[in-house]
């Protein structure tokens, strides 16, 4: 086997490995869940618009990205939100 033929075989093996890896990861697409904390109650217009955003994200990601909305300071109060991000 010449050096040129060896290089072609090596390229084919690497290409096959990359394609196999790509399809393996795309078939096992992960699902993610995020949390959105708000200090407003569920009747506030900002909370309603945030829920519309969450629904749109869920739809556009085909259910792979889910965001849970916690209103009325259920996770963090207005003063603790910045600490919760970091």
N, C-alpha and C. Protein backbone atom coordinates (compact mmCIF):
# COMPACT_ATOMS: atom_id res chain seq x y z
N UNK A 1 0.86 -1.18 0.00
CA UNK A 1 0.00 0.00 0.00
C UNK A 1 0.90 1.24 0.00
N UNK A 2 0.65 2.11 -0.94
CA UNK A 2 1.45 3.32 -1.03
C UNK A 2 0.97 4.35 -0.01
N UNK A 3 1.74 5.36 0.17
CA UNK A 3 1.40 6.43 1.11
C UNK A 3 0.12 7.14 0.67
N UNK A 4 -0.06 7.30 -0.64
CA UNK A 4 -1.26 7.96 -1.16
C UNK A 4 -2.50 7.13 -0.87
N UNK A 5 -2.43 5.81 -1.09
CA UNK A 5 -3.57 4.92 -0.82
C UNK A 5 -3.88 4.89 0.67
N UNK A 6 -2.85 4.88 1.50
CA UNK A 6 -3.05 4.89 2.94
C UNK A 6 -3.78 6.16 3.38
N UNK A 7 -3.43 7.29 2.77
CA UNK A 7 -4.09 8.56 3.09
C UNK A 7 -5.56 8.55 2.71
N UNK A 8 -5.89 7.91 1.57
CA UNK A 8 -7.28 7.83 1.14
C UNK A 8 -8.09 6.95 2.10
N UNK A 9 -7.51 5.84 2.53
CA UNK A 9 -8.20 4.95 3.46
C UNK A 9 -8.40 5.66 4.80
N UNK A 10 -7.38 6.34 5.25
CA UNK A 10 -7.46 7.08 6.52
C UNK A 10 -8.56 8.14 6.45
N UNK A 11 -8.64 8.85 5.33
CA UNK A 11 -9.67 9.88 5.15
C UNK A 11 -11.06 9.27 5.17
N UNK A 12 -11.24 8.12 4.53
CA UNK A 12 -12.55 7.46 4.51
C UNK A 12 -12.95 6.99 5.91
N UNK A 13 -12.02 6.47 6.66
CA UNK A 13 -12.32 6.00 8.02
C UNK A 13 -12.71 7.17 8.91
N UNK A 14 -11.98 8.25 8.83
CA UNK A 14 -12.29 9.44 9.64
C UNK A 14 -13.64 10.01 9.24
N UNK A 15 -13.93 10.07 7.95
CA UNK A 15 -15.22 10.58 7.47
C UNK A 15 -16.36 9.72 7.98
N UNK A 16 -16.21 8.41 7.91
CA UNK A 16 -17.24 7.50 8.39
C UNK A 16 -17.47 7.68 9.89
N UNK A 17 -16.39 7.83 10.64
CA UNK A 17 -16.52 8.03 12.09
C UNK A 17 -17.24 9.33 12.41
N UNK A 18 -16.92 10.40 11.70
CA UNK A 18 -17.58 11.69 11.94
C UNK A 18 -19.05 11.64 11.58
N UNK A 19 -19.39 11.01 10.47
CA UNK A 19 -20.80 10.90 10.07
C UNK A 19 -21.57 10.08 11.09
N UNK A 20 -21.00 8.97 11.53
CA UNK A 20 -21.66 8.13 12.54
C UNK A 20 -21.87 8.91 13.84
N UNK A 21 -20.88 9.64 14.26
CA UNK A 21 -20.99 10.44 15.48
C UNK A 21 -22.06 11.52 15.34
N UNK A 22 -22.09 12.18 14.19
CA UNK A 22 -23.09 13.22 13.95
C UNK A 22 -24.50 12.67 14.06
N UNK A 23 -24.76 11.54 13.41
CA UNK A 23 -26.10 10.97 13.44
C UNK A 23 -26.45 10.43 14.82
N UNK A 24 -25.49 9.93 15.54
CA UNK A 24 -25.76 9.44 16.89
C UNK A 24 -26.20 10.58 17.80
N UNK A 25 -25.53 11.73 17.69
CA UNK A 25 -25.91 12.86 18.53
C UNK A 25 -27.21 13.49 18.08
N UNK A 26 -27.50 13.51 16.80
CA UNK A 26 -28.74 14.12 16.33
C UNK A 26 -29.94 13.26 16.69
N UNK A 27 -29.76 11.95 16.76
CA UNK A 27 -30.87 11.08 17.14
C UNK A 27 -31.16 11.18 18.63
N UNK A 28 -30.16 11.47 19.42
CA UNK A 28 -30.33 11.60 20.86
C UNK A 28 -30.38 13.07 21.27
N UNK A 29 -31.16 13.86 20.55
CA UNK A 29 -31.24 15.29 20.84
C UNK A 29 -31.74 15.48 22.27
N UNK A 30 -31.00 16.24 23.03
CA UNK A 30 -31.31 16.42 24.44
C UNK A 30 -32.52 17.33 24.62
N UNK A 31 -33.18 17.13 25.73
CA UNK A 31 -34.28 18.01 26.12
C UNK A 31 -33.79 18.84 27.30
N UNK A 32 -34.10 20.11 27.26
CA UNK A 32 -33.64 21.04 28.29
C UNK A 32 -34.84 21.69 28.97
N UNK A 33 -34.71 21.93 30.26
CA UNK A 33 -35.74 22.62 31.01
C UNK A 33 -35.10 23.82 31.70
N UNK A 34 -35.69 24.98 31.48
CA UNK A 34 -35.21 26.19 32.12
C UNK A 34 -36.26 26.73 33.07
N UNK A 35 -35.87 27.66 33.90
CA UNK A 35 -36.79 28.29 34.84
C UNK A 35 -36.75 29.79 34.67
N UNK A 36 -37.91 30.40 34.67
CA UNK A 36 -38.04 31.85 34.54
C UNK A 36 -38.75 32.37 35.79
N UNK A 37 -38.04 33.16 36.56
CA UNK A 37 -38.59 33.70 37.80
C UNK A 37 -39.03 35.14 37.57
N UNK A 38 -40.23 35.45 38.05
CA UNK A 38 -40.78 36.81 37.92
C UNK A 38 -41.37 37.23 39.26
N UNK A 39 -41.29 38.50 39.55
CA UNK A 39 -41.88 38.98 40.79
C UNK A 39 -43.33 39.44 40.59
N UNK A 40 -43.79 39.54 39.35
CA UNK A 40 -45.16 39.94 39.08
C UNK A 40 -46.11 38.76 39.28
N UNK A 41 -47.38 39.07 39.53
CA UNK A 41 -48.37 37.99 39.68
C UNK A 41 -48.78 37.46 38.30
N UNK A 42 -49.59 36.42 38.30
CA UNK A 42 -49.95 35.78 37.03
C UNK A 42 -50.91 36.61 36.18
N UNK A 43 -51.49 37.66 36.73
CA UNK A 43 -52.42 38.52 35.97
C UNK A 43 -51.70 39.70 35.30
N UNK A 44 -50.46 39.95 35.67
CA UNK A 44 -49.71 41.08 35.14
C UNK A 44 -49.40 40.87 33.66
N UNK A 45 -49.40 41.96 32.88
CA UNK A 45 -49.19 41.83 31.44
C UNK A 45 -47.80 41.29 31.09
N UNK A 46 -46.80 41.58 31.90
CA UNK A 46 -45.45 41.05 31.64
C UNK A 46 -45.41 39.53 31.80
N UNK A 47 -46.12 39.03 32.79
CA UNK A 47 -46.18 37.58 33.00
C UNK A 47 -46.93 36.91 31.86
N UNK A 48 -48.00 37.54 31.39
CA UNK A 48 -48.76 36.97 30.27
C UNK A 48 -47.91 36.93 29.00
N UNK A 49 -47.15 37.99 28.75
CA UNK A 49 -46.28 38.00 27.57
C UNK A 49 -45.13 37.00 27.71
N UNK A 50 -44.63 36.84 28.91
CA UNK A 50 -43.59 35.84 29.14
C UNK A 50 -44.12 34.44 28.87
N UNK A 51 -45.36 34.19 29.26
CA UNK A 51 -45.96 32.88 29.00
C UNK A 51 -46.15 32.66 27.50
N UNK A 52 -46.50 33.70 26.77
CA UNK A 52 -46.61 33.59 25.31
C UNK A 52 -45.24 33.26 24.71
N UNK A 53 -44.18 33.88 25.22
CA UNK A 53 -42.82 33.59 24.76
C UNK A 53 -42.45 32.14 25.06
N UNK A 54 -42.76 31.68 26.26
CA UNK A 54 -42.45 30.30 26.66
C UNK A 54 -43.17 29.30 25.75
N UNK A 55 -44.43 29.57 25.44
CA UNK A 55 -45.18 28.69 24.55
C UNK A 55 -44.58 28.66 23.15
N UNK A 56 -44.13 29.80 22.68
CA UNK A 56 -43.52 29.89 21.35
C UNK A 56 -42.18 29.13 21.30
N UNK A 57 -41.39 29.26 22.35
CA UNK A 57 -40.11 28.54 22.42
C UNK A 57 -40.35 27.04 22.41
N UNK A 58 -41.33 26.58 23.18
CA UNK A 58 -41.65 25.16 23.24
C UNK A 58 -42.08 24.65 21.87
N UNK A 59 -42.90 25.44 21.19
CA UNK A 59 -43.39 25.04 19.86
C UNK A 59 -42.26 25.01 18.83
N UNK A 60 -41.45 26.06 18.80
CA UNK A 60 -40.38 26.16 17.79
C UNK A 60 -39.27 25.13 18.01
N UNK A 61 -39.09 24.69 19.26
CA UNK A 61 -38.05 23.70 19.54
C UNK A 61 -38.58 22.27 19.47
N UNK A 62 -39.82 22.12 19.03
CA UNK A 62 -40.46 20.80 18.95
C UNK A 62 -40.45 20.09 20.30
N UNK A 63 -40.65 20.85 21.36
CA UNK A 63 -40.73 20.28 22.70
C UNK A 63 -39.40 19.96 23.35
N UNK A 64 -38.29 20.27 22.70
CA UNK A 64 -36.98 19.96 23.29
C UNK A 64 -36.56 20.97 24.33
N UNK A 65 -37.12 22.18 24.27
CA UNK A 65 -36.78 23.23 25.24
C UNK A 65 -38.05 23.65 25.96
N UNK A 66 -38.08 23.37 27.24
CA UNK A 66 -39.24 23.70 28.06
C UNK A 66 -38.81 24.72 29.11
N UNK A 67 -39.60 25.76 29.27
CA UNK A 67 -39.30 26.79 30.27
C UNK A 67 -40.47 26.83 31.25
N UNK A 68 -40.16 26.70 32.52
CA UNK A 68 -41.17 26.78 33.56
C UNK A 68 -41.21 28.21 34.09
N UNK A 69 -42.40 28.78 34.17
CA UNK A 69 -42.57 30.16 34.65
C UNK A 69 -42.99 30.12 36.12
N UNK A 70 -42.23 30.83 36.95
CA UNK A 70 -42.55 30.96 38.37
C UNK A 70 -42.86 32.43 38.63
N UNK A 71 -44.13 32.74 38.80
CA UNK A 71 -44.55 34.13 39.00
C UNK A 71 -44.72 34.41 40.49
N UNK A 72 -45.00 35.64 40.81
CA UNK A 72 -45.27 36.10 42.18
C UNK A 72 -44.12 35.83 43.14
N UNK A 73 -42.89 35.81 42.62
CA UNK A 73 -41.74 35.60 43.49
C UNK A 73 -41.64 34.21 44.08
N UNK A 74 -42.16 33.20 43.39
CA UNK A 74 -42.12 31.83 43.91
C UNK A 74 -40.70 31.31 44.07
N UNK A 75 -39.82 31.62 43.14
CA UNK A 75 -38.42 31.19 43.26
C UNK A 75 -37.58 32.24 43.96
N UNK A 76 -37.68 33.47 43.49
CA UNK A 76 -36.88 34.57 44.03
C UNK A 76 -37.74 35.81 44.12
N UNK A 77 -37.49 36.61 45.15
CA UNK A 77 -38.13 37.91 45.24
C UNK A 77 -37.39 38.90 44.34
N UNK A 78 -37.89 40.12 44.26
CA UNK A 78 -37.30 41.12 43.38
C UNK A 78 -35.84 41.39 43.74
N UNK A 79 -35.48 41.32 45.00
CA UNK A 79 -34.10 41.61 45.41
C UNK A 79 -33.16 40.41 45.22
N UNK A 80 -33.69 39.21 45.12
CA UNK A 80 -32.85 38.02 45.01
C UNK A 80 -32.67 37.52 43.58
N UNK A 81 -33.37 38.10 42.62
CA UNK A 81 -33.32 37.59 41.25
C UNK A 81 -31.90 37.65 40.68
N UNK A 82 -31.20 38.75 40.86
CA UNK A 82 -29.85 38.87 40.31
C UNK A 82 -28.90 37.85 40.94
N UNK A 83 -29.07 37.58 42.21
CA UNK A 83 -28.26 36.55 42.86
C UNK A 83 -28.59 35.16 42.35
N UNK A 84 -29.83 34.95 41.95
CA UNK A 84 -30.23 33.65 41.41
C UNK A 84 -29.68 33.39 40.03
N UNK A 85 -29.38 34.44 39.30
CA UNK A 85 -28.83 34.30 37.95
C UNK A 85 -27.37 33.85 38.01
N UNK A 86 -26.65 34.40 38.96
CA UNK A 86 -25.21 34.12 39.03
C UNK A 86 -24.89 32.87 39.74
